[in-house]
Amino acid sequence: MTQSTVYLKVRRVDAATVAQARQATVADVHEAMGVAGRAALLGARMRPIREEQPRIAGPAVTAYCWPGDNLMMHRALYLAEPGDVLVVVCQAELSGAQWGDLATRYALQKGLAGVIVQGCIRDVDQVRALGLPVWSTHIWPIHPDKNGHGMVNAPVVCEGVTVRPGDLVVADGDGVICVPRDQAPEIVQAAVAKMRKEDEAAEKVLAGAPVWELSGAAAIYARMQVQEIDAAFDDTKGDLA
């Protein structure tokens, strides 16, 4: 890469969809997407940096950073708006920290929803104490430079998933998912409806209903014609007599 490209504007997923998405879990959004939901989940290395970290949802603002450098992260952070989710990618993940204490303080001042980092974050004790929701693939304090080329608010591939500026990002304790902006309203509505059905099922479980039946497993199992034997597997039934 010989030059940098920074887009100053982002076409964001609408605010009503974002508000509704905050009610939905990553698992439910994933399932509401059908087969496409598998490809929308960021890789399992992407983990929240603290337990009981709040669920977030918001439009993506993206940064692609040169190895060992986080200049483009800072530019993206400067351009981000309240409620945005900053998605930072450095493919040379261990070459330099992309996120830390001062960036966290500034993000909180700006009202960002959270940060997703493919790469290192540092100052993790301070970041945890400050409370900004952050997901990352690595924690390591290696020093970053601030003179490298990259991209801001262009599509990036983060943990195997293409994230476009303005796409809906949802993150919780399970991980992170990216929903294309134009599909987000329909998918979020389906995810919230699914959650409501699960809430109803939870009430039935509390009343004593077996998950074996509520989940549909019993009906599927019945169609499989499984051989069941009313004995222990090592019951000899007199064979050694």
Protein backbone atom coordinates (compact mmCIF):
# COMPACT_ATOMS: atom_id res chain seq x y z
CA MET A 1 0.00 0.00 0.00
CA THR A 2 1.60 3.26 -1.14
CA GLN A 3 -1.10 5.69 -0.08
CA SER A 4 -3.99 5.98 2.31
CA THR A 5 -7.69 6.40 1.62
CA VAL A 6 -10.05 7.98 4.14
CA TYR A 7 -13.77 8.36 3.51
CA LEU A 8 -15.26 11.14 5.63
CA LYS A 9 -18.90 10.02 5.35
CA VAL A 10 -20.69 6.81 6.35
CA ARG A 11 -24.16 5.64 5.31
CA ARG A 12 -25.25 4.19 8.63
CA VAL A 13 -27.89 1.60 9.46
CA ASP A 14 -30.95 3.45 10.73
CA ALA A 15 -31.24 4.38 14.40
CA ALA A 16 -34.52 2.51 14.95
CA THR A 17 -32.95 -0.76 13.80
CA VAL A 18 -29.94 -0.18 16.04
CA ALA A 19 -32.18 0.44 19.06
CA GLN A 20 -34.10 -2.75 18.38
CA ALA A 21 -30.86 -4.69 17.83
CA ARG A 22 -29.73 -3.86 21.37
CA GLN A 23 -32.49 -6.20 22.57
CA ALA A 24 -31.20 -9.14 20.52
CA THR A 25 -28.40 -11.56 21.35
CA VAL A 26 -25.65 -12.39 18.87
CA ALA A 27 -26.92 -15.98 18.83
CA ASP A 28 -30.43 -14.92 17.87
CA VAL A 29 -29.21 -12.53 15.18
CA HIS A 30 -27.00 -15.31 13.83
CA GLU A 31 -29.92 -17.76 13.64
CA ALA A 32 -32.27 -15.14 12.18
CA MET A 33 -29.86 -14.80 9.23
CA GLY A 34 -30.24 -18.45 8.30
CA VAL A 35 -27.33 -20.04 6.46
CA ALA A 36 -25.74 -16.61 5.93
CA GLY A 37 -25.47 -16.24 9.69
CA ARG A 38 -22.54 -18.63 9.79
CA ALA A 39 -20.49 -16.40 7.53
CA ALA A 40 -21.51 -13.27 9.45
CA LEU A 41 -19.97 -14.35 12.77
CA LEU A 42 -16.50 -12.98 13.43
CA GLY A 43 -14.02 -15.72 14.33
CA ALA A 44 -14.01 -17.27 17.79
CA ARG A 45 -10.75 -15.52 18.72
CA MET A 46 -12.71 -12.27 19.05
CA ARG A 47 -13.56 -12.12 22.74
CA PRO A 48 -14.85 -9.50 25.20
CA ILE A 49 -12.08 -8.16 27.44
CA ARG A 50 -14.11 -8.46 30.64
CA GLU A 51 -16.88 -10.58 32.06
CA GLU A 52 -20.42 -9.21 32.12
CA GLN A 53 -19.53 -6.73 29.42
CA PRO A 54 -22.71 -5.03 28.14
CA ARG A 55 -24.20 -6.11 24.82
CA ILE A 56 -23.76 -3.47 22.14
CA ALA A 57 -25.19 -2.70 18.72
CA GLY A 58 -24.33 0.09 16.34
CA PRO A 59 -23.18 1.10 12.86
CA ALA A 60 -19.63 0.19 11.92
CA VAL A 61 -16.88 2.75 11.47
CA THR A 62 -13.80 1.00 10.10
CA ALA A 63 -10.03 1.37 10.19
CA TYR A 64 -7.37 -0.70 8.42
CA CYS A 65 -3.95 -0.16 9.97
CA TRP A 66 -0.39 -0.67 8.76
CA PRO A 67 1.66 -3.26 10.69
CA GLY A 68 2.87 -1.86 13.99
CA ASP A 69 0.92 1.36 13.50
CA ASN A 70 -2.44 2.74 14.67
CA LEU A 71 -2.59 6.12 12.92
CA MET A 72 -5.68 5.13 10.91
CA MET A 73 -7.42 3.91 14.07
CA HIS A 74 -6.98 7.39 15.52
CA ARG A 75 -8.37 9.01 12.39
CA ALA A 76 -11.40 6.70 12.43
CA LEU A 77 -11.92 7.38 16.13
CA TYR A 78 -11.82 11.12 15.45
CA LEU A 79 -14.44 10.78 12.71
CA ALA A 80 -16.72 8.41 14.63
CA GLU A 81 -20.08 9.59 15.95
CA PRO A 82 -22.06 8.75 19.09
CA GLY A 83 -23.41 5.20 18.99
CA ASP A 84 -20.89 3.96 16.42
CA VAL A 85 -18.93 0.72 16.80
CA LEU A 86 -15.30 1.19 15.80
CA VAL A 87 -13.93 -1.85 13.94
CA VAL A 88 -10.13 -1.89 13.72
CA VAL A 89 -8.09 -4.36 11.67
CA CYS A 90 -4.32 -4.87 11.74
CA GLN A 91 -3.43 -8.09 9.95
CA ALA A 92 0.02 -8.11 11.56
CA GLU A 93 -1.81 -8.56 14.82
CA LEU A 94 1.15 -8.70 17.20
CA SER A 95 3.10 -5.87 15.58
CA GLY A 96 1.71 -2.99 17.64
CA ALA A 97 -1.21 -2.27 19.98
CA GLN A 98 -4.22 -0.73 18.27
CA TRP A 99 -6.10 0.41 21.34
CA GLY A 100 -5.40 1.64 24.85
CA ASP A 101 -6.24 3.91 27.77
CA LEU A 102 -6.33 7.34 26.09
CA ALA A 103 -8.32 6.08 23.10
CA THR A 104 -10.83 4.56 25.51
CA ARG A 105 -11.26 7.83 27.39
CA TYR A 106 -11.82 9.71 24.16
CA ALA A 107 -14.28 7.09 22.87
CA LEU A 108 -16.29 7.38 26.08
CA GLN A 109 -16.36 11.16 25.73
CA LYS A 110 -17.65 10.82 22.18
CA GLY A 111 -20.29 8.28 23.17
CA LEU A 112 -19.14 5.32 21.07
CA ALA A 113 -21.06 2.09 21.64
CA GLY A 114 -17.90 -0.04 21.66
CA VAL A 115 -14.76 -1.18 19.88
CA ILE A 116 -13.84 -4.34 17.96
CA VAL A 117 -10.12 -4.96 17.35
CA GLN A 118 -8.44 -7.61 15.24
CA GLY A 119 -5.04 -7.11 16.81
CA CYS A 120 -3.63 -6.07 20.17
CA ILE A 121 -5.07 -3.86 22.83
CA ARG A 122 -3.09 -2.65 25.83
CA ASP A 123 -3.63 -0.78 29.12
CA VAL A 124 -6.24 -3.46 29.63
CA ASP A 125 -6.64 -2.92 33.38
CA GLN A 126 -7.48 0.74 32.82
CA VAL A 127 -9.71 -0.03 29.84
CA ARG A 128 -11.66 -2.56 31.90
CA ALA A 129 -12.04 -0.10 34.75
CA LEU A 130 -13.27 2.64 32.43
CA GLY A 131 -16.09 0.38 31.25
CA LEU A 132 -16.10 0.85 27.48
CA PRO A 133 -17.16 -2.45 25.83
CA VAL A 134 -14.18 -3.78 23.88
CA TRP A 135 -13.64 -7.04 22.00
CA SER A 136 -10.20 -8.07 20.70
CA THR A 137 -8.16 -11.00 19.45
CA HIS A 138 -5.07 -10.20 21.58
CA ILE A 139 -3.96 -8.38 24.70
CA TRP A 140 -0.33 -7.25 24.52
CA PRO A 141 1.36 -3.92 25.35
CA ILE A 142 3.68 -3.62 22.34
CA HIS A 143 4.20 0.01 21.29
CA PRO A 144 2.49 1.25 18.07
CA ASP A 145 3.82 3.90 15.70
CA LYS A 146 1.63 6.61 14.19
CA ASN A 147 2.94 7.21 10.69
CA GLY A 148 1.61 4.28 8.64
CA HIS A 149 -0.73 4.16 5.69
CA GLY A 150 -4.11 2.47 5.72
CA MET A 151 -7.81 3.05 5.18
CA VAL A 152 -10.69 4.59 7.09
CA ASN A 153 -14.38 3.93 6.41
CA ALA A 154 -13.67 1.45 3.63
CA PRO A 155 -14.67 -2.23 3.75
CA VAL A 156 -12.37 -4.37 5.91
CA VAL A 157 -12.14 -8.09 6.61
CA CYS A 158 -12.24 -8.53 10.38
CA GLU A 159 -11.76 -12.05 11.72
CA GLY A 160 -12.90 -13.52 8.42
CA VAL A 161 -15.98 -11.31 7.91
CA THR A 162 -16.30 -8.38 5.53
CA VAL A 163 -17.43 -5.35 7.50
CA ARG A 164 -18.61 -2.36 5.47
CA PRO A 165 -18.95 1.10 6.96
CA GLY A 166 -22.49 1.57 8.23
CA ASP A 167 -23.21 -2.16 8.60
CA LEU A 168 -24.86 -3.25 11.85
CA VAL A 169 -22.44 -4.72 14.39
CA VAL A 170 -23.85 -6.61 17.38
CA ALA A 171 -21.57 -7.95 20.12
CA ASP A 172 -22.07 -9.72 23.45
CA GLY A 173 -20.50 -12.43 25.58
CA ASP A 174 -20.80 -14.96 22.74
CA GLY A 175 -18.83 -12.88 20.24
CA VAL A 176 -19.47 -10.45 17.39
CA ILE A 177 -21.66 -10.52 14.28
CA CYS A 178 -21.91 -8.13 11.34
CA VAL A 179 -25.22 -7.69 9.50
CA PRO A 180 -25.24 -5.95 6.10
CA ARG A 181 -26.90 -2.56 6.41
CA ASP A 182 -29.66 -3.18 3.86
CA GLN A 183 -30.64 -6.50 5.46
CA ALA A 184 -30.48 -5.33 9.06
CA PRO A 185 -34.12 -4.19 9.64
CA GLU A 186 -35.63 -7.50 8.55
CA ILE A 187 -33.03 -9.62 10.36
CA VAL A 188 -33.26 -7.70 13.61
CA GLN A 189 -37.04 -7.97 13.63
CA ALA A 190 -36.76 -11.73 13.15
CA ALA A 191 -34.14 -11.99 15.90
CA VAL A 192 -36.27 -10.09 18.40
CA ALA A 193 -39.31 -12.23 17.53
CA LYS A 194 -37.20 -15.34 18.11
CA MET A 195 -36.12 -14.02 21.50
CA ARG A 196 -39.74 -13.46 22.50
CA LYS A 197 -40.58 -17.06 21.62
CA GLU A 198 -37.63 -18.24 23.71
CA ASP A 199 -38.85 -16.11 26.62
CA GLU A 200 -42.20 -17.88 26.34
CA ALA A 201 -40.42 -21.24 26.26
CA ALA A 202 -38.41 -20.27 29.35
CA GLU A 203 -41.66 -19.66 31.23
CA LYS A 204 -42.83 -23.14 30.25
CA VAL A 205 -39.55 -24.65 31.48
CA LEU A 206 -40.07 -22.93 34.83
CA ALA A 207 -43.51 -24.53 34.91
CA GLY A 208 -41.94 -27.97 34.41
CA ALA A 209 -42.05 -28.53 30.65
CA PRO A 210 -39.07 -30.58 29.34
CA VAL A 211 -36.64 -28.88 26.96
CA TRP A 212 -36.51 -32.23 25.15
CA GLU A 213 -39.98 -31.48 23.79
CA LEU A 214 -39.93 -27.66 23.66
CA SER A 215 -36.79 -27.61 21.54
CA GLY A 216 -38.31 -29.93 18.94
CA ALA A 217 -35.65 -32.55 19.65
CA ALA A 218 -38.24 -35.16 20.67
CA ALA A 219 -40.14 -34.91 17.39
CA ILE A 220 -36.96 -35.10 15.31
CA TYR A 221 -35.67 -38.04 17.35
CA ALA A 222 -38.94 -39.91 16.85
CA ARG A 223 -38.57 -39.67 13.07
CA MET A 224 -35.03 -41.08 13.14
CA GLN A 225 -36.06 -44.60 14.17
CA VAL A 226 -33.26 -44.86 16.72
CA GLN A 227 -32.79 -48.30 18.27
CA GLU A 228 -33.29 -48.05 22.03
CA ILE A 229 -32.36 -50.96 24.30
CA ASP A 230 -33.79 -51.20 27.80
CA ALA A 231 -30.52 -52.36 29.35
CA ALA A 232 -27.03 -51.16 30.25
CA PHE A 233 -24.44 -51.48 27.47
CA ASP A 234 -22.40 -53.89 29.59
CA ASP A 235 -25.35 -55.95 30.77
CA THR A 236 -24.26 -59.55 29.94
CA LYS A 237 -27.71 -61.09 30.58
CA GLY A 238 -26.15 -64.39 31.59
CA ASP A 239 -23.79 -64.76 28.63
CA LEU A 240 -20.94 -65.65 30.98
CA ALA A 241 -22.89 -68.34 32.85
